[in-house]
């Protein structure tokens, strides 16, 4: 069983080290743009210190009902 060191976890999240740690805005934009291009719906976005946590709520369905990618009707 792996246990984490609370001091290390605090430093990684910008805890009491006095340094300001924040995630890259550029990286966040790329992640959200990619998710949108794939039709994924963002349900929740959490930013904690230097970490970004993205929760997806589902996938948007395309309105094109006629194209099934060469799948025959059952």
PDB file of N, CA and C in Angstrom:
ATOM      1  N   UNK A   1       0.842  -1.170   0.000  1.00  0.00           N
ATOM      2  CA  UNK A   1       0.000   0.000   0.000  1.00  0.00           C
ATOM      3  C   UNK A   1       0.888   1.235   0.000  1.00  0.00           C
ATOM      4  N   UNK A   2       0.629   2.135  -0.920  1.00  0.00           N
ATOM      5  CA  UNK A   2       1.442   3.335  -1.049  1.00  0.00           C
ATOM      6  C   UNK A   2       0.814   4.470  -0.241  1.00  0.00           C
ATOM      7  N   UNK A   3       1.620   5.105   0.592  1.00  0.00           N
ATOM      8  CA  UNK A   3       1.133   6.250   1.355  1.00  0.00           C
ATOM      9  C   UNK A   3       1.856   7.485   0.869  1.00  0.00           C
ATOM     10  N   UNK A   4       1.183   8.611   0.918  1.00  0.00           N
ATOM     11  CA  UNK A   4       1.808   9.851   0.465  1.00  0.00           C
ATOM     12  C   UNK A   4       2.276  10.666   1.656  1.00  0.00           C
ATOM     13  N   UNK A   5       3.313  11.400   1.435  1.00  0.00           N
ATOM     14  CA  UNK A   5       3.866  12.277   2.452  1.00  0.00           C
ATOM     15  C   UNK A   5       3.080  13.586   2.430  1.00  0.00           C
ATOM     16  N   UNK A   6       2.401  13.975   3.512  1.00  0.00           N
ATOM     17  CA  UNK A   6       1.599  15.198   3.512  1.00  0.00           C
ATOM     18  C   UNK A   6       2.417  16.442   3.182  1.00  0.00           C
ATOM     19  N   UNK A   7       3.672  16.492   3.605  1.00  0.00           N
ATOM     20  CA  UNK A   7       4.504  17.659   3.310  1.00  0.00           C
ATOM     21  C   UNK A   7       4.727  17.779   1.807  1.00  0.00           C
ATOM     22  N   UNK A   8       5.005  16.655   1.149  1.00  0.00           N
ATOM     23  CA  UNK A   8       5.211  16.667  -0.292  1.00  0.00           C
ATOM     24  C   UNK A   8       3.920  17.038  -1.009  1.00  0.00           C
ATOM     25  N   UNK A   9       2.807  16.500  -0.562  1.00  0.00           N
ATOM     26  CA  UNK A   9       1.521  16.813  -1.178  1.00  0.00           C
ATOM     27  C   UNK A   9       1.217  18.299  -1.045  1.00  0.00           C
ATOM     28  N   UNK A  10       1.509  18.875   0.110  1.00  0.00           N
ATOM     29  CA  UNK A  10       1.291  20.301   0.317  1.00  0.00           C
ATOM     30  C   UNK A  10       2.136  21.130  -0.635  1.00  0.00           C
ATOM     31  N   UNK A  11       3.400  20.761  -0.798  1.00  0.00           N
ATOM     32  CA  UNK A  11       4.281  21.511  -1.680  1.00  0.00           C
ATOM     33  C   UNK A  11       3.811  21.417  -3.122  1.00  0.00           C
ATOM     34  N   UNK A  12       3.360  20.254  -3.537  1.00  0.00           N
ATOM     35  CA  UNK A  12       2.889  20.078  -4.904  1.00  0.00           C
ATOM     36  C   UNK A  12       1.659  20.923  -5.195  1.00  0.00           C
ATOM     37  N   UNK A  13       0.852  21.166  -4.193  1.00  0.00           N
ATOM     38  CA  UNK A  13      -0.356  21.970  -4.370  1.00  0.00           C
ATOM     39  C   UNK A  13      -0.134  23.432  -4.010  1.00  0.00           C
ATOM     40  N   UNK A  14       1.103  23.828  -3.771  1.00  0.00           N
ATOM     41  CA  UNK A  14       1.379  25.213  -3.439  1.00  0.00           C
ATOM     42  C   UNK A  14       1.016  25.549  -2.017  1.00  0.00           C
ATOM     43  N   UNK A  15       1.058  24.572  -1.120  1.00  0.00           N
ATOM     44  CA  UNK A  15       0.643  24.731   0.270  1.00  0.00           C
ATOM     45  C   UNK A  15       1.378  25.824   1.010  1.00  0.00           C
ATOM     46  N   UNK A  16       2.190  25.468   1.981  1.00  0.00           N
ATOM     47  CA  UNK A  16       2.814  26.455   2.854  1.00  0.00           C
ATOM     48  C   UNK A  16       4.241  26.789   2.437  1.00  0.00           C
ATOM     49  N   UNK A  17       4.648  26.441   1.225  1.00  0.00           N
ATOM     50  CA  UNK A  17       6.022  26.689   0.798  1.00  0.00           C
ATOM     51  C   UNK A  17       6.269  28.159   0.490  1.00  0.00           C
ATOM     52  N   UNK A  18       5.215  28.960   0.359  1.00  0.00           N
ATOM     53  CA  UNK A  18       5.371  30.374   0.069  1.00  0.00           C
ATOM     54  C   UNK A  18       5.472  30.667  -1.419  1.00  0.00           C
ATOM     55  N   UNK A  19       5.664  29.645  -2.233  1.00  0.00           N
ATOM     56  CA  UNK A  19       5.725  29.843  -3.678  1.00  0.00           C
ATOM     57  C   UNK A  19       4.316  29.846  -4.247  1.00  0.00           C
ATOM     58  N   UNK A  20       4.132  30.636  -5.276  1.00  0.00           N
ATOM     59  CA  UNK A  20       2.834  30.651  -5.954  1.00  0.00           C
ATOM     60  C   UNK A  20       2.906  29.672  -7.120  1.00  0.00           C
ATOM     61  N   UNK A  21       2.135  28.614  -7.026  1.00  0.00           N
ATOM     62  CA  UNK A  21       2.101  27.606  -8.079  1.00  0.00           C
ATOM     63  C   UNK A  21       0.724  27.658  -8.707  1.00  0.00           C
ATOM     64  N   UNK A  22       0.692  27.747 -10.028  1.00  0.00           N
ATOM     65  CA  UNK A  22      -0.594  27.732 -10.717  1.00  0.00           C
ATOM     66  C   UNK A  22      -0.451  26.966 -12.024  1.00  0.00           C
ATOM     67  N   UNK A  23      -1.544  26.414 -12.497  1.00  0.00           N
ATOM     68  CA  UNK A  23      -1.489  25.638 -13.737  1.00  0.00           C
ATOM     69  C   UNK A  23      -1.316  26.548 -14.949  1.00  0.00           C
ATOM     70  N   UNK A  24      -0.819  25.991 -16.017  1.00  0.00           N
ATOM     71  CA  UNK A  24      -0.620  26.720 -17.261  1.00  0.00           C
ATOM     72  C   UNK A  24      -1.967  26.991 -17.929  1.00  0.00           C
ATOM     73  N   UNK A  25      -2.244  28.247 -18.215  1.00  0.00           N
ATOM     74  CA  UNK A  25      -3.483  28.607 -18.903  1.00  0.00           C
ATOM     75  C   UNK A  25      -3.495  27.999 -20.307  1.00  0.00           C
ATOM     76  N   UNK A  26      -2.324  27.969 -20.934  1.00  0.00           N
ATOM     77  CA  UNK A  26      -2.207  27.400 -22.277  1.00  0.00           C
ATOM     78  C   UNK A  26      -2.578  25.914 -22.275  1.00  0.00           C
ATOM     79  N   UNK A  27      -2.080  25.178 -21.296  1.00  0.00           N
ATOM     80  CA  UNK A  27      -2.386  23.745 -21.196  1.00  0.00           C
ATOM     81  C   UNK A  27      -3.880  23.520 -20.953  1.00  0.00           C
ATOM     82  N   UNK A  28      -4.475  24.362 -20.121  1.00  0.00           N
ATOM     83  CA  UNK A  28      -5.910  24.245 -19.846  1.00  0.00           C
ATOM     84  C   UNK A  28      -6.726  24.492 -21.109  1.00  0.00           C
ATOM     85  N   UNK A  29      -6.352  25.519 -21.867  1.00  0.00           N
ATOM     86  CA  UNK A  29      -7.065  25.823 -23.115  1.00  0.00           C
ATOM     87  C   UNK A  29      -6.968  24.668 -24.111  1.00  0.00           C
ATOM     88  N   UNK A  30      -5.781  24.076 -24.226  1.00  0.00           N
ATOM     89  CA  UNK A  30      -5.602  22.946 -25.139  1.00  0.00           C
ATOM     90  C   UNK A  30      -6.483  21.776 -24.715  1.00  0.00           C
ATOM     91  N   UNK A  31      -6.508  21.465 -23.420  1.00  0.00           N
ATOM     92  CA  UNK A  31      -7.310  20.345 -22.918  1.00  0.00           C
ATOM     93  C   UNK A  31      -8.796  20.576 -23.178  1.00  0.00           C
ATOM     94  N   UNK A  32      -9.286  21.785 -22.912  1.00  0.00           N
ATOM     95  CA  UNK A  32     -10.708  22.074 -23.112  1.00  0.00           C
ATOM     96  C   UNK A  32     -11.069  22.110 -24.594  1.00  0.00           C
ATOM     97  N   UNK A  33     -10.182  22.656 -25.427  1.00  0.00           N
ATOM     98  CA  UNK A  33     -10.427  22.705 -26.868  1.00  0.00           C
ATOM     99  C   UNK A  33     -10.485  21.285 -27.450  1.00  0.00           C
ATOM    100  N   UNK A  34      -9.592  20.425 -26.996  1.00  0.00           N
ATOM    101  CA  UNK A  34      -9.573  19.039 -27.463  1.00  0.00           C
ATOM    102  C   UNK A  34     -10.839  18.303 -27.036  1.00  0.00           C
ATOM    103  N   UNK A  35     -11.252  18.503 -25.788  1.00  0.00           N
ATOM    104  CA  UNK A  35     -12.476  17.868 -25.289  1.00  0.00           C
ATOM    105  C   UNK A  35     -13.681  18.328 -26.103  1.00  0.00           C
ATOM    106  N   UNK A  36     -13.740  19.623 -26.402  1.00  0.00           N
ATOM    107  CA  UNK A  36     -14.856  20.164 -27.181  1.00  0.00           C
ATOM    108  C   UNK A  36     -14.865  19.581 -28.594  1.00  0.00           C
ATOM    109  N   UNK A  37     -13.683  19.464 -29.202  1.00  0.00           N
ATOM    110  CA  UNK A  37     -13.585  18.913 -30.554  1.00  0.00           C
ATOM    111  C   UNK A  37     -14.061  17.463 -30.606  1.00  0.00           C
ATOM    112  N   UNK A  38     -13.899  16.735 -29.511  1.00  0.00           N
ATOM    113  CA  UNK A  38     -14.330  15.337 -29.442  1.00  0.00           C
ATOM    114  C   UNK A  38     -15.778  15.199 -28.983  1.00  0.00           C
ATOM    115  N   UNK A  39     -16.442  16.329 -28.709  1.00  0.00           N
ATOM    116  CA  UNK A  39     -17.847  16.293 -28.310  1.00  0.00           C
ATOM    117  C   UNK A  39     -18.066  16.011 -26.839  1.00  0.00           C
ATOM    118  N   UNK A  40     -17.015  16.116 -26.035  1.00  0.00           N
ATOM    119  CA  UNK A  40     -17.142  15.830 -24.604  1.00  0.00           C
ATOM    120  C   UNK A  40     -17.681  17.059 -23.880  1.00  0.00           C
ATOM    121  N   UNK A  41     -18.563  16.828 -22.914  1.00  0.00           N
ATOM    122  CA  UNK A  41     -19.181  17.894 -22.136  1.00  0.00           C
ATOM    123  C   UNK A  41     -18.498  17.968 -20.776  1.00  0.00           C
ATOM    124  N   UNK A  42     -17.991  19.158 -20.431  1.00  0.00           N
ATOM    125  CA  UNK A  42     -17.336  19.342 -19.133  1.00  0.00           C
ATOM    126  C   UNK A  42     -18.405  19.561 -18.080  1.00  0.00           C
ATOM    127  N   UNK A  43     -18.406  18.702 -17.069  1.00  0.00           N
ATOM    128  CA  UNK A  43     -19.370  18.781 -15.978  1.00  0.00           C
ATOM    129  C   UNK A  43     -18.834  19.657 -14.854  1.00  0.00           C
ATOM    130  N   UNK A  44     -17.545  19.512 -14.560  1.00  0.00           N
ATOM    131  CA  UNK A  44     -16.956  20.249 -13.444  1.00  0.00           C
ATOM    132  C   UNK A  44     -15.474  20.465 -13.720  1.00  0.00           C
ATOM    133  N   UNK A  45     -14.968  21.642 -13.348  1.00  0.00           N
ATOM    134  CA  UNK A  45     -13.561  21.982 -13.506  1.00  0.00           C
ATOM    135  C   UNK A  45     -13.037  22.458 -12.161  1.00  0.00           C
ATOM    136  N   UNK A  46     -12.036  21.755 -11.629  1.00  0.00           N
ATOM    137  CA  UNK A  46     -11.462  22.108 -10.330  1.00  0.00           C
ATOM    138  C   UNK A  46      -9.996  22.485 -10.513  1.00  0.00           C
ATOM    139  N   UNK A  47      -9.594  23.620  -9.962  1.00  0.00           N
ATOM    140  CA  UNK A  47      -8.195  24.036  -9.974  1.00  0.00           C
ATOM    141  C   UNK A  47      -7.748  24.129  -8.530  1.00  0.00           C
ATOM    142  N   UNK A  48      -6.759  23.300  -8.179  1.00  0.00           N
ATOM    143  CA  UNK A  48      -6.223  23.281  -6.822  1.00  0.00           C
ATOM    144  C   UNK A  48      -4.716  23.412  -6.915  1.00  0.00           C
ATOM    145  N   UNK A  49      -4.204  24.564  -6.510  1.00  0.00           N
ATOM    146  CA  UNK A  49      -2.764  24.778  -6.609  1.00  0.00           C
ATOM    147  C   UNK A  49      -2.318  24.647  -8.047  1.00  0.00           C
ATOM    148  N   UNK A  50      -1.387  23.753  -8.308  1.00  0.00           N
ATOM    149  CA  UNK A  50      -0.875  23.547  -9.654  1.00  0.00           C
ATOM    150  C   UNK A  50      -1.581  22.453 -10.421  1.00  0.00           C
ATOM    151  N   UNK A  51      -2.681  21.934  -9.888  1.00  0.00           N
ATOM    152  CA  UNK A  51      -3.379  20.823 -10.521  1.00  0.00           C
ATOM    153  C   UNK A  51      -4.712  21.265 -11.101  1.00  0.00           C
ATOM    154  N   UNK A  52      -5.038  20.706 -12.268  1.00  0.00           N
ATOM    155  CA  UNK A  52      -6.331  20.926 -12.905  1.00  0.00           C
ATOM    156  C   UNK A  52      -7.036  19.580 -12.961  1.00  0.00           C
ATOM    157  N   UNK A  53      -8.277  19.553 -12.519  1.00  0.00           N
ATOM    158  CA  UNK A  53      -9.070  18.328 -12.550  1.00  0.00           C
ATOM    159  C   UNK A  53     -10.312  18.609 -13.386  1.00  0.00           C
ATOM    160  N   UNK A  54     -10.481  17.855 -14.473  1.00  0.00           N
ATOM    161  CA  UNK A  54     -11.619  18.050 -15.366  1.00  0.00           C
ATOM    162  C   UNK A  54     -12.521  16.821 -15.274  1.00  0.00           C
ATOM    163  N   UNK A  55     -13.793  17.054 -14.948  1.00  0.00           N
ATOM    164  CA  UNK A  55     -14.780  15.973 -14.879  1.00  0.00           C
ATOM    165  C   UNK A  55     -15.713  16.127 -16.077  1.00  0.00           C
ATOM    166  N   UNK A  56     -15.869  15.044 -16.819  1.00  0.00           N
ATOM    167  CA  UNK A  56     -16.724  15.082 -17.990  1.00  0.00           C
ATOM    168  C   UNK A  56     -18.080  14.476 -17.670  1.00  0.00           C
ATOM    169  N   UNK A  57     -19.143  15.120 -18.193  1.00  0.00           N
ATOM    170  CA  UNK A  57     -20.498  14.679 -17.911  1.00  0.00           C
ATOM    171  C   UNK A  57     -21.086  13.803 -18.990  1.00  0.00           C
ATOM    172  N   UNK A  58     -20.433  13.698 -20.123  1.00  0.00           N
ATOM    173  CA  UNK A  58     -20.953  12.873 -21.205  1.00  0.00           C
ATOM    174  C   UNK A  58     -20.376  13.313 -22.528  1.00  0.00           C
ATOM    175  N   UNK A  59     -20.983  12.810 -23.591  1.00  0.00           N
ATOM    176  CA  UNK A  59     -20.538  13.119 -24.940  1.00  0.00           C
ATOM    177  C   UNK A  59     -21.738  13.618 -25.721  1.00  0.00           C
ATOM    178  N   UNK A  60     -21.555  14.736 -26.447  1.00  0.00           N
ATOM    179  CA  UNK A  60     -22.627  15.255 -27.280  1.00  0.00           C
ATOM    180  C   UNK A  60     -22.789  14.352 -28.489  1.00  0.00           C
ATOM    181  N   UNK A  61     -24.031  14.096 -28.860  1.00  0.00           N
ATOM    182  CA  UNK A  61     -24.320  13.250 -30.013  1.00  0.00           C
ATOM    183  C   UNK A  61     -24.499  14.140 -31.228  1.00  0.00           C
ATOM    184  N   UNK A  62     -23.864  13.758 -32.343  1.00  0.00           N
ATOM    185  CA  UNK A  62     -24.013  14.530 -33.573  1.00  0.00           C
ATOM    186  C   UNK A  62     -25.446  14.429 -34.074  1.00  0.00           C
ATOM    187  N   UNK A  63     -25.907  15.489 -34.730  1.00  0.00           N
ATOM    188  CA  UNK A  63     -27.280  15.504 -35.224  1.00  0.00           C
ATOM    189  C   UNK A  63     -27.423  14.726 -36.529  1.00  0.00           C
ATOM    190  N   UNK A  64     -26.324  14.315 -37.136  1.00  0.00           N
ATOM    191  CA  UNK A  64     -26.353  13.567 -38.390  1.00  0.00           C
ATOM    192  C   UNK A  64     -26.756  12.119 -38.120  1.00  0.00           C
ATOM    193  N   UNK A  65     -28.039  11.820 -38.285  1.00  0.00           N
ATOM    194  CA  UNK A  65     -28.552  10.486 -38.002  1.00  0.00           C
ATOM    195  C   UNK A  65     -28.268   9.537 -39.159  1.00  0.00           C
ATOM    196  N   UNK A  66     -28.191  10.038 -40.385  1.00  0.00           N
ATOM    197  CA  UNK A  66     -28.043   9.202 -41.564  1.00  0.00           C
ATOM    198  C   UNK A  66     -26.690   8.533 -41.705  1.00  0.00           C
ATOM    199  N   UNK A  67     -25.625   9.093 -41.197  1.00  0.00           N
ATOM    200  CA  UNK A  67     -24.288   8.542 -41.379  1.00  0.00           C
ATOM    201  C   UNK A  67     -23.917   7.657 -40.202  1.00  0.00           C
ATOM    202  N   UNK A  68     -23.789   6.347 -40.464  1.00  0.00           N
ATOM    203  CA  UNK A  68     -23.415   5.416 -39.409  1.00  0.00           C
ATOM    204  C   UNK A  68     -22.078   4.760 -39.691  1.00  0.00           C
ATOM    205  N   UNK A  69     -21.259   5.354 -40.562  1.00  0.00           N
ATOM    206  CA  UNK A  69     -19.936   4.813 -40.827  1.00  0.00           C
ATOM    207  C   UNK A  69     -19.954   3.418 -41.417  1.00  0.00           C
ATOM    208  N   UNK A  70     -20.733   3.194 -42.467  1.00  0.00           N
ATOM    209  CA  UNK A  70     -20.818   1.916 -43.173  1.00  0.00           C
ATOM    210  C   UNK A  70     -21.455   0.797 -42.352  1.00  0.00           C
ATOM    211  N   UNK A  71     -22.178   1.104 -41.306  1.00  0.00           N
ATOM    212  CA  UNK A  71     -22.865   0.062 -40.548  1.00  0.00           C
ATOM    213  C   UNK A  71     -24.220  -0.202 -41.202  1.00  0.00           C
ATOM    214  N   UNK A  72     -24.504  -1.452 -41.451  1.00  0.00           N
ATOM    215  CA  UNK A  72     -25.794  -1.821 -42.033  1.00  0.00           C
ATOM    216  C   UNK A  72     -26.871  -1.787 -40.954  1.00  0.00           C
ATOM    217  N   UNK A  73     -28.126  -1.614 -41.403  1.00  0.00           N
ATOM    218  CA  UNK A  73     -29.241  -1.684 -40.457  1.00  0.00           C
ATOM    219  C   UNK A  73     -29.370  -3.098 -39.937  1.00  0.00           C
ATOM    220  N   UNK A  74     -29.743  -3.243 -38.701  1.00  0.00           N
ATOM    221  CA  UNK A  74     -29.867  -4.572 -38.092  1.00  0.00           C
ATOM    222  C   UNK A  74     -31.166  -5.183 -38.478  1.00  0.00           C
TER     223      UNK A  74
END
